[in-house]
Amino acid sequence: MFSSQQKRDISDAVQKILKVTEHPELPEGEITFRLHVGGADSWSWADICNNGAVGSPGVNPHNELMAKLSKGEGTSLISRAKKLVTGFHDERDS
């Protein structure tokens, strides 16, 4: 459902969101998580986990093409989420 880069970006954003909570039961380093995203159709889904848990990411040519066709729309959505939750602002988004 997402390109490899979009999955890495989403994983980074989730990691930051979890760290901002400063929950005492979270580890100091990288937080392990698994996120399942269901698409509009039953065949459309994505499993996203923390980047440290991905040794060799699989690549789906269809998802890579869709990311290119969307002209970075996924990245801008992730940037908006980062700003909303953490106040993070990436100069590349300006």
Protein backbone atom coordinates (compact mmCIF):
# COMPACT_ATOMS: atom_id res chain seq x y z
CA MET A 1 0.00 0.00 0.00
CA PHE A 2 2.91 2.38 0.72
CA SER A 3 6.34 2.66 -0.86
CA SER A 4 9.39 1.62 1.14
CA GLN A 5 10.30 5.27 1.75
CA GLN A 6 6.76 6.11 2.87
CA LYS A 7 6.86 3.20 5.33
CA ARG A 8 10.18 4.46 6.73
CA ASP A 9 8.73 7.97 7.07
CA ILE A 10 5.59 6.69 8.78
CA SER A 11 7.71 4.58 11.11
CA ASP A 12 9.84 7.63 12.02
CA ALA A 13 6.70 9.68 12.71
CA VAL A 14 5.17 6.95 14.91
CA GLN A 15 8.47 6.60 16.79
CA LYS A 16 8.49 10.36 17.51
CA ILE A 17 4.84 10.37 18.56
CA LEU A 18 5.46 7.52 21.01
CA LYS A 19 8.59 9.17 22.45
CA VAL A 20 6.74 12.46 23.01
CA THR A 21 4.41 10.67 25.44
CA GLU A 22 7.40 10.11 27.76
CA HIS A 23 5.54 7.07 29.10
CA PRO A 24 7.62 5.48 31.88
CA GLU A 25 7.18 1.96 30.50
CA LEU A 26 8.72 2.78 27.12
CA PRO A 27 12.38 1.89 26.51
CA GLU A 28 15.08 4.56 26.26
CA GLY A 29 16.16 3.63 22.72
CA GLU A 30 14.11 2.57 19.76
CA ILE A 31 10.53 1.58 20.53
CA THR A 32 9.33 -1.67 18.99
CA PHE A 33 5.87 -1.48 17.40
CA ARG A 34 3.75 -2.98 14.62
CA LEU A 35 1.06 -0.95 12.87
CA HIS A 36 -1.48 -2.56 10.55
CA VAL A 37 -3.17 -0.20 8.10
CA GLY A 38 -6.25 -1.45 6.28
CA GLY A 39 -6.97 0.00 2.85
CA ALA A 40 -10.26 0.74 1.17
CA ASP A 41 -10.35 -2.80 -0.31
CA SER A 42 -9.67 -6.13 1.40
CA TRP A 43 -6.54 -6.65 -0.71
CA SER A 44 -5.13 -3.24 0.20
CA TRP A 45 -3.17 -3.15 3.46
CA ALA A 46 0.22 -2.43 4.97
CA ASP A 47 2.12 -3.64 8.01
CA ILE A 48 4.56 -1.04 9.30
CA CYS A 49 6.99 -1.64 12.14
CA ASN A 50 9.84 0.28 13.70
CA ASN A 51 12.68 0.82 11.23
CA GLY A 52 15.18 -1.03 13.41
CA ALA A 53 13.15 -4.22 13.04
CA VAL A 54 13.38 -4.18 9.22
CA GLY A 55 16.58 -5.83 8.05
CA SER A 56 15.89 -5.93 4.33
CA PRO A 57 12.68 -4.19 3.28
CA GLY A 58 10.60 -5.84 0.59
CA VAL A 59 9.76 -3.74 -2.44
CA ASN A 60 6.44 -3.89 -4.24
CA PRO A 61 6.84 -2.30 -7.70
CA HIS A 62 3.18 -1.22 -7.75
CA ASN A 63 3.51 0.64 -4.45
CA GLU A 64 6.74 2.32 -5.58
CA LEU A 65 5.05 3.49 -8.80
CA MET A 66 1.98 4.78 -6.92
CA ALA A 67 4.24 6.82 -4.62
CA LYS A 68 5.94 8.41 -7.63
CA LEU A 69 2.60 9.17 -9.28
CA SER A 70 1.30 10.83 -6.12
CA LYS A 71 4.17 13.35 -6.45
CA GLY A 72 5.18 13.16 -2.80
CA GLU A 73 1.67 13.57 -1.42
CA GLY A 74 2.36 10.87 1.20
CA THR A 75 5.45 12.71 2.43
CA SER A 76 3.53 15.97 2.87
CA LEU A 77 0.86 14.14 4.88
CA ILE A 78 3.56 12.69 7.12
CA SER A 79 5.12 16.13 7.54
CA ARG A 80 1.77 17.58 8.57
CA ALA A 81 1.32 14.78 11.11
CA LYS A 82 4.79 15.46 12.55
CA LYS A 83 3.97 19.16 12.93
CA LEU A 84 0.59 18.43 14.49
CA VAL A 85 1.85 15.98 17.09
CA THR A 86 5.36 17.12 17.92
CA GLY A 87 5.69 20.64 16.59
CA PHE A 88 8.40 19.25 14.29
CA HIS A 89 9.04 21.39 11.21
CA ASP A 90 11.23 20.19 8.37
CA GLU A 91 12.64 23.02 6.24
CA ARG A 92 12.22 20.80 3.17
CA ASP A 93 8.44 21.16 3.59
CA SER A 94 8.51 24.95 3.10
